[in-house]
PDB file of all heavy atoms in Angstrom:
ATOM      1  N   GLN A   1       0.853  -1.117   0.049  1.00  0.00           N
ATOM      2  CA  GLN A   1       0.059   0.000   0.029  1.00  0.00           C
ATOM      3  C   GLN A   1       0.822   1.337  -0.025  1.00  0.00           C
ATOM      4  O   GLN A   1       0.551   2.205  -0.672  1.00  0.00           O
ATOM      5  CB  GLN A   1      -0.864  -0.001   1.165  1.00  0.00           C
ATOM      6  CG  GLN A   1      -1.911   1.246   1.221  1.00  0.00           C
ATOM      7  CD  GLN A   1      -2.823   1.266   0.117  1.00  0.00           C
ATOM      8  OE1 GLN A   1      -3.334   0.252  -0.240  1.00  0.00           O
ATOM      9  NE2 GLN A   1      -2.882   2.475  -0.523  1.00  0.00           N
ATOM     10  N   ILE A   2       1.947   1.286   0.837  1.00  0.00           N
ATOM     11  CA  ILE A   2       2.858   2.296   0.712  1.00  0.00           C
ATOM     12  C   ILE A   2       3.478   2.628  -0.564  1.00  0.00           C
ATOM     13  O   ILE A   2       3.567   3.699  -1.101  1.00  0.00           O
ATOM     14  CB  ILE A   2       3.836   2.231   1.928  1.00  0.00           C
ATOM     15  CG1 ILE A   2       3.266   2.228   3.268  1.00  0.00           C
ATOM     16  CG2 ILE A   2       4.995   3.317   1.774  1.00  0.00           C
ATOM     17  CD1 ILE A   2       4.321   1.839   4.365  1.00  0.00           C
ATOM     18  N   GLU A   3       3.946   1.492  -1.295  1.00  0.00           N
ATOM     19  CA  GLU A   3       4.451   1.622  -2.522  1.00  0.00           C
ATOM     20  C   GLU A   3       3.428   2.162  -3.683  1.00  0.00           C
ATOM     21  O   GLU A   3       3.776   2.898  -4.427  1.00  0.00           O
ATOM     22  CB  GLU A   3       5.024   0.281  -3.012  1.00  0.00           C
ATOM     23  CG  GLU A   3       6.213  -0.175  -2.093  1.00  0.00           C
ATOM     24  CD  GLU A   3       6.614  -1.754  -2.499  1.00  0.00           C
ATOM     25  OE1 GLU A   3       5.854  -2.304  -3.299  1.00  0.00           O
ATOM     26  OE2 GLU A   3       7.603  -2.207  -1.915  1.00  0.00           O
ATOM     27  N   THR A   4       2.246   1.748  -3.491  1.00  0.00           N
ATOM     28  CA  THR A   4       1.264   2.209  -4.298  1.00  0.00           C
ATOM     29  C   THR A   4       1.059   3.741  -4.111  1.00  0.00           C
ATOM     30  O   THR A   4       0.917   4.578  -5.149  1.00  0.00           O
ATOM     31  CB  THR A   4      -0.100   1.558  -4.046  1.00  0.00           C
ATOM     32  OG1 THR A   4       0.052   0.050  -4.314  1.00  0.00           O
ATOM     33  CG2 THR A   4      -1.271   2.074  -5.070  1.00  0.00           C
ATOM     34  N   ASN A   5       1.062   4.402  -2.894  1.00  0.00           N
ATOM     35  CA  ASN A   5       0.974   5.630  -2.537  1.00  0.00           C
ATOM     36  C   ASN A   5       2.018   6.494  -3.309  1.00  0.00           C
ATOM     37  O   ASN A   5       2.040   7.573  -3.931  1.00  0.00           O
ATOM     38  CB  ASN A   5       0.938   5.911  -1.010  1.00  0.00           C
ATOM     39  CG  ASN A   5      -0.313   5.271  -0.426  1.00  0.00           C
ATOM     40  OD1 ASN A   5      -1.427   5.170  -1.028  1.00  0.00           O
ATOM     41  ND2 ASN A   5      -0.201   5.060   0.877  1.00  0.00           N
ATOM     42  N   LEU A   6       3.309   5.924  -3.116  1.00  0.00           N
ATOM     43  CA  LEU A   6       4.451   6.571  -3.737  1.00  0.00           C
ATOM     44  C   LEU A   6       4.393   6.685  -5.220  1.00  0.00           C
ATOM     45  O   LEU A   6       4.688   7.674  -5.837  1.00  0.00           O
ATOM     46  CB  LEU A   6       5.778   5.814  -3.212  1.00  0.00           C
ATOM     47  CG  LEU A   6       6.148   5.793  -1.901  1.00  0.00           C
ATOM     48  CD1 LEU A   6       7.363   5.020  -1.523  1.00  0.00           C
ATOM     49  CD2 LEU A   6       6.390   7.195  -1.241  1.00  0.00           C
ATOM     50  N   ASN A   7       4.016   5.572  -5.857  1.00  0.00           N
ATOM     51  CA  ASN A   7       3.920   5.672  -7.343  1.00  0.00           C
ATOM     52  C   ASN A   7       2.896   6.556  -7.771  1.00  0.00           C
ATOM     53  O   ASN A   7       2.835   7.216  -8.777  1.00  0.00           O
ATOM     54  CB  ASN A   7       3.630   4.175  -7.884  1.00  0.00           C
ATOM     55  CG  ASN A   7       4.772   3.199  -7.705  1.00  0.00           C
ATOM     56  OD1 ASN A   7       5.996   3.700  -8.101  1.00  0.00           O
ATOM     57  ND2 ASN A   7       4.575   2.142  -7.321  1.00  0.00           N
ATOM     58  N   GLN A   8       1.688   6.656  -6.987  1.00  0.00           N
ATOM     59  CA  GLN A   8       0.646   7.470  -7.430  1.00  0.00           C
ATOM     60  C   GLN A   8       1.124   9.008  -7.242  1.00  0.00           C
ATOM     61  O   GLN A   8       0.857   9.845  -8.145  1.00  0.00           O
ATOM     62  CB  GLN A   8      -0.608   7.392  -6.564  1.00  0.00           C
ATOM     63  CG  GLN A   8      -1.296   6.098  -6.791  1.00  0.00           C
ATOM     64  CD  GLN A   8      -2.642   5.981  -5.893  1.00  0.00           C
ATOM     65  OE1 GLN A   8      -2.678   6.688  -4.857  1.00  0.00           O
ATOM     66  NE2 GLN A   8      -3.283   4.903  -6.022  1.00  0.00           N
ATOM     67  N   VAL A   9       2.046   9.411  -6.348  1.00  0.00           N
ATOM     68  CA  VAL A   9       2.420  10.740  -6.185  1.00  0.00           C
ATOM     69  C   VAL A   9       3.329  11.017  -7.501  1.00  0.00           C
ATOM     70  O   VAL A   9       3.337  12.075  -8.087  1.00  0.00           O
ATOM     71  CB  VAL A   9       3.242  10.895  -4.851  1.00  0.00           C
ATOM     72  CG1 VAL A   9       3.973  12.248  -4.917  1.00  0.00           C
ATOM     73  CG2 VAL A   9       2.388  10.847  -3.737  1.00  0.00           C
ATOM     74  N   VAL A  10       4.197  10.080  -7.785  1.00  0.00           N
ATOM     75  CA  VAL A  10       5.173  10.230  -8.893  1.00  0.00           C
ATOM     76  C   VAL A  10       4.316  10.375 -10.217  1.00  0.00           C
ATOM     77  O   VAL A  10       4.579  11.397 -11.020  1.00  0.00           O
ATOM     78  CB  VAL A  10       6.159   9.232  -8.994  1.00  0.00           C
ATOM     79  CG1 VAL A  10       6.996   9.302 -10.305  1.00  0.00           C
ATOM     80  CG2 VAL A  10       7.126   9.099  -7.824  1.00  0.00           C
ATOM     81  N   ASN A  11       3.377   9.625 -10.446  1.00  0.00           N
ATOM     82  CA  ASN A  11       2.590   9.585 -11.708  1.00  0.00           C
ATOM     83  C   ASN A  11       1.784  10.996 -11.814  1.00  0.00           C
ATOM     84  O   ASN A  11       1.511  11.435 -12.994  1.00  0.00           O
ATOM     85  CB  ASN A  11       1.820   8.408 -11.806  1.00  0.00           C
ATOM     86  CG  ASN A  11       2.457   7.228 -12.009  1.00  0.00           C
ATOM     87  OD1 ASN A  11       3.678   7.186 -12.491  1.00  0.00           O
ATOM     88  ND2 ASN A  11       2.077   6.000 -11.409  1.00  0.00           N
ATOM     89  N   ARG A  12       1.333  11.479 -10.639  1.00  0.00           N
ATOM     90  CA  ARG A  12       0.484  12.690 -10.653  1.00  0.00           C
ATOM     91  C   ARG A  12       1.355  14.017 -10.818  1.00  0.00           C
ATOM     92  O   ARG A  12       0.967  14.924 -11.520  1.00  0.00           O
ATOM     93  CB  ARG A  12      -0.293  12.780  -9.458  1.00  0.00           C
ATOM     94  CG  ARG A  12      -1.454  11.781  -9.569  1.00  0.00           C
ATOM     95  CD  ARG A  12      -2.526  11.831  -8.370  1.00  0.00           C
ATOM     96  NE  ARG A  12      -3.573  10.985  -8.449  1.00  0.00           N
ATOM     97  CZ  ARG A  12      -4.747  11.226  -7.728  1.00  0.00           C
ATOM     98  NH1 ARG A  12      -4.935  12.283  -7.091  1.00  0.00           N
ATOM     99  NH2 ARG A  12      -5.555  10.169  -7.806  1.00  0.00           N
ATOM    100  N   ALA A  13       2.557  13.944 -10.231  1.00  0.00           N
ATOM    101  CA  ALA A  13       3.409  15.106 -10.295  1.00  0.00           C
ATOM    102  C   ALA A  13       4.087  15.271 -11.591  1.00  0.00           C
ATOM    103  O   ALA A  13       4.452  16.246 -11.993  1.00  0.00           O
ATOM    104  CB  ALA A  13       4.434  15.052  -9.219  1.00  0.00           C
ATOM    105  N   LEU A  14       4.320  14.054 -12.275  1.00  0.00           N
ATOM    106  CA  LEU A  14       5.125  14.127 -13.530  1.00  0.00           C
ATOM    107  C   LEU A  14       4.528  14.939 -14.705  1.00  0.00           C
ATOM    108  O   LEU A  14       5.149  15.794 -15.270  1.00  0.00           O
ATOM    109  CB  LEU A  14       5.489  12.635 -14.011  1.00  0.00           C
ATOM    110  CG  LEU A  14       6.321  12.586 -15.195  1.00  0.00           C
ATOM    111  CD1 LEU A  14       7.579  13.214 -15.132  1.00  0.00           C
ATOM    112  CD2 LEU A  14       6.352  11.043 -15.697  1.00  0.00           C
ATOM    113  N   PRO A  15       3.244  14.745 -15.074  1.00  0.00           N
ATOM    114  CA  PRO A  15       2.596  15.542 -16.116  1.00  0.00           C
ATOM    115  C   PRO A  15       2.514  17.026 -15.720  1.00  0.00           C
ATOM    116  O   PRO A  15       2.629  17.926 -16.623  1.00  0.00           O
ATOM    117  CB  PRO A  15       1.362  14.832 -16.215  1.00  0.00           C
ATOM    118  CG  PRO A  15       1.001  14.149 -14.987  1.00  0.00           C
ATOM    119  CD  PRO A  15       2.297  13.722 -14.482  1.00  0.00           C
ATOM    120  N   LEU A  16       2.388  17.246 -14.435  1.00  0.00           N
ATOM    121  CA  LEU A  16       2.243  18.678 -13.996  1.00  0.00           C
ATOM    122  C   LEU A  16       3.612  19.443 -14.235  1.00  0.00           C
ATOM    123  O   LEU A  16       3.615  20.624 -14.608  1.00  0.00           O
ATOM    124  CB  LEU A  16       1.828  18.731 -12.590  1.00  0.00           C
ATOM    125  CG  LEU A  16       0.349  18.156 -12.305  1.00  0.00           C
ATOM    126  CD1 LEU A  16       0.042  18.169 -10.798  1.00  0.00           C
ATOM    127  CD2 LEU A  16      -0.798  18.907 -13.107  1.00  0.00           C
ATOM    128  N   ILE A  17       4.609  18.719 -13.730  1.00  0.00           N
ATOM    129  CA  ILE A  17       6.041  19.430 -13.898  1.00  0.00           C
ATOM    130  C   ILE A  17       6.286  19.517 -15.266  1.00  0.00           C
ATOM    131  O   ILE A  17       6.969  20.490 -15.855  1.00  0.00           O
ATOM    132  CB  ILE A  17       7.113  18.615 -13.109  1.00  0.00           C
ATOM    133  CG1 ILE A  17       6.759  18.644 -11.703  1.00  0.00           C
ATOM    134  CG2 ILE A  17       8.468  19.068 -13.308  1.00  0.00           C
ATOM    135  CD1 ILE A  17       7.651  17.734 -10.780  1.00  0.00           C
ATOM    136  N   ASP A  18       6.136  18.492 -16.304  1.00  0.00           N
ATOM    137  CA  ASP A  18       6.386  18.420 -17.682  1.00  0.00           C
ATOM    138  C   ASP A  18       5.616  19.560 -18.358  1.00  0.00           C
ATOM    139  O   ASP A  18       6.091  20.221 -19.325  1.00  0.00           O
ATOM    140  CB  ASP A  18       6.099  17.083 -18.218  1.00  0.00           C
ATOM    141  CG  ASP A  18       6.665  17.042 -19.662  1.00  0.00           C
ATOM    142  OD1 ASP A  18       7.576  17.762 -20.030  1.00  0.00           O
ATOM    143  OD2 ASP A  18       6.242  16.023 -20.389  1.00  0.00           O
ATOM    144  N   ALA A  19       4.322  19.882 -17.990  1.00  0.00           N
ATOM    145  CA  ALA A  19       3.588  20.842 -18.723  1.00  0.00           C
ATOM    146  C   ALA A  19       3.936  22.256 -18.184  1.00  0.00           C
ATOM    147  O   ALA A  19       3.730  23.232 -18.989  1.00  0.00           O
ATOM    148  CB  ALA A  19       2.103  20.522 -18.366  1.00  0.00           C
ATOM    149  N   ASP A  20       4.384  22.501 -16.981  1.00  0.00           N
ATOM    150  CA  ASP A  20       4.678  23.842 -16.478  1.00  0.00           C
ATOM    151  C   ASP A  20       6.099  23.921 -16.239  1.00  0.00           C
ATOM    152  O   ASP A  20       6.705  23.348 -15.373  1.00  0.00           O
ATOM    153  CB  ASP A  20       3.789  23.876 -15.200  1.00  0.00           C
ATOM    154  CG  ASP A  20       3.853  25.475 -14.709  1.00  0.00           C
ATOM    155  OD1 ASP A  20       4.545  26.272 -15.237  1.00  0.00           O
ATOM    156  OD2 ASP A  20       3.163  25.744 -13.632  1.00  0.00           O
ATOM    157  N   GLU A  21       6.705  24.846 -16.998  1.00  0.00           N
ATOM    158  CA  GLU A  21       8.193  24.981 -16.844  1.00  0.00           C
ATOM    159  C   GLU A  21       8.490  25.758 -15.489  1.00  0.00           C
ATOM    160  O   GLU A  21       9.686  25.551 -15.110  1.00  0.00           O
ATOM    161  CB  GLU A  21       8.600  25.854 -18.071  1.00  0.00           C
ATOM    162  CG  GLU A  21       8.538  25.242 -19.499  1.00  0.00           C
ATOM    163  CD  GLU A  21       9.096  26.214 -20.497  1.00  0.00           C
ATOM    164  OE1 GLU A  21       9.515  27.126 -20.176  1.00  0.00           O
ATOM    165  OE2 GLU A  21       9.062  25.677 -21.577  1.00  0.00           O
ATOM    166  N   SER A  22       7.655  26.398 -14.900  1.00  0.00           N
ATOM    167  CA  SER A  22       7.916  26.893 -13.699  1.00  0.00           C
ATOM    168  C   SER A  22       8.105  25.964 -12.475  1.00  0.00           C
ATOM    169  O   SER A  22       8.680  26.174 -11.497  1.00  0.00           O
ATOM    170  CB  SER A  22       6.843  27.994 -13.273  1.00  0.00           C
ATOM    171  OG  SER A  22       5.644  27.501 -12.986  1.00  0.00           O
ATOM    172  N   LEU A  23       7.423  24.723 -12.733  1.00  0.00           N
ATOM    173  CA  LEU A  23       7.574  23.659 -11.732  1.00  0.00           C
ATOM    174  C   LEU A  23       8.745  22.798 -11.958  1.00  0.00           C
ATOM    175  O   LEU A  23       9.291  22.572 -13.019  1.00  0.00           O
ATOM    176  CB  LEU A  23       6.305  22.819 -11.730  1.00  0.00           C
ATOM    177  CG  LEU A  23       4.913  23.665 -11.345  1.00  0.00           C
ATOM    178  CD1 LEU A  23       3.809  22.749 -11.418  1.00  0.00           C
ATOM    179  CD2 LEU A  23       5.172  24.232  -9.911  1.00  0.00           C
ATOM    180  N   SER A  24       9.277  22.180 -10.968  1.00  0.00           N
ATOM    181  CA  SER A  24      10.390  21.249 -10.949  1.00  0.00           C
ATOM    182  C   SER A  24      10.191  20.273  -9.913  1.00  0.00           C
ATOM    183  O   SER A  24       9.312  20.347  -8.870  1.00  0.00           O
ATOM    184  CB  SER A  24      11.685  21.964 -10.890  1.00  0.00           C
ATOM    185  OG  SER A  24      11.933  22.548  -9.572  1.00  0.00           O
ATOM    186  N   SER A  25      11.094  19.175  -9.918  1.00  0.00           N
ATOM    187  CA  SER A  25      10.842  18.206  -8.872  1.00  0.00           C
ATOM    188  C   SER A  25      11.300  18.702  -7.503  1.00  0.00           C
ATOM    189  O   SER A  25      11.034  18.251  -6.409  1.00  0.00           O
ATOM    190  CB  SER A  25      11.789  16.980  -9.304  1.00  0.00           C
ATOM    191  OG  SER A  25      13.129  17.363  -9.270  1.00  0.00           O
ATOM    192  N   ALA A  26      12.134  19.845  -7.459  1.00  0.00           N
ATOM    193  CA  ALA A  26      12.513  20.463  -6.186  1.00  0.00           C
ATOM    194  C   ALA A  26      11.338  20.962  -5.385  1.00  0.00           C
ATOM    195  O   ALA A  26      11.373  21.207  -4.199  1.00  0.00           O
ATOM    196  CB  ALA A  26      13.676  21.620  -6.486  1.00  0.00           C
ATOM    197  N   SER A  27      10.214  21.190  -6.209  1.00  0.00           N
ATOM    198  CA  SER A  27       8.962  21.740  -5.408  1.00  0.00           C
ATOM    199  C   SER A  27       8.287  20.663  -4.798  1.00  0.00           C
ATOM    200  O   SER A  27       7.306  21.054  -4.041  1.00  0.00           O
ATOM    201  CB  SER A  27       8.181  22.498  -6.490  1.00  0.00           C
ATOM    202  OG  SER A  27       7.702  21.655  -7.510  1.00  0.00           O
ATOM    203  N   LEU A  28       8.611  19.453  -5.048  1.00  0.00           N
ATOM    204  CA  LEU A  28       7.975  18.209  -4.305  1.00  0.00           C
ATOM    205  C   LEU A  28       8.573  18.095  -2.955  1.00  0.00           C
ATOM    206  O   LEU A  28       9.892  17.871  -2.913  1.00  0.00           O
ATOM    207  CB  LEU A  28       8.094  17.093  -5.156  1.00  0.00           C
ATOM    208  CG  LEU A  28       7.373  15.756  -4.536  1.00  0.00           C
ATOM    209  CD1 LEU A  28       5.902  15.943  -4.407  1.00  0.00           C
ATOM    210  CD2 LEU A  28       7.720  14.565  -5.593  1.00  0.00           C
ATOM    211  N   GLU A  29       7.842  18.316  -1.909  1.00  0.00           N
ATOM    212  CA  GLU A  29       8.255  18.059  -0.469  1.00  0.00           C
ATOM    213  C   GLU A  29       7.439  17.069   0.229  1.00  0.00           C
ATOM    214  O   GLU A  29       6.262  16.835  -0.162  1.00  0.00           O
ATOM    215  CB  GLU A  29       8.278  19.514   0.152  1.00  0.00           C
ATOM    216  CG  GLU A  29       9.155  20.511  -0.578  1.00  0.00           C
ATOM    217  CD  GLU A  29       9.003  21.819   0.241  1.00  0.00           C
ATOM    218  OE1 GLU A  29       8.137  21.895   1.075  1.00  0.00           O
ATOM    219  OE2 GLU A  29       9.874  22.732  -0.149  1.00  0.00           O
ATOM    220  N   ILE A  30       8.077  16.693   1.322  1.00  0.00           N
ATOM    221  CA  ILE A  30       7.347  15.614   2.314  1.00  0.00           C
ATOM    222  C   ILE A  30       7.154  16.397   3.664  1.00  0.00           C
ATOM    223  O   ILE A  30       8.112  17.020   4.164  1.00  0.00           O
ATOM    224  CB  ILE A  30       8.209  14.454   2.457  1.00  0.00           C
ATOM    225  CG1 ILE A  30       8.453  13.718   1.068  1.00  0.00           C
ATOM    226  CG2 ILE A  30       7.504  13.492   3.331  1.00  0.00           C
ATOM    227  CD1 ILE A  30       7.286  13.489   0.254  1.00  0.00           C
TER     228      ILE A  30
END
């Protein structure tokens, strides 16, 4: 279940960062 949560975060953040040049992986925080 924890691994599923991690993969969902990566899959949802990836298209947002790819579409918006102002966003980057550095903006992803825990």
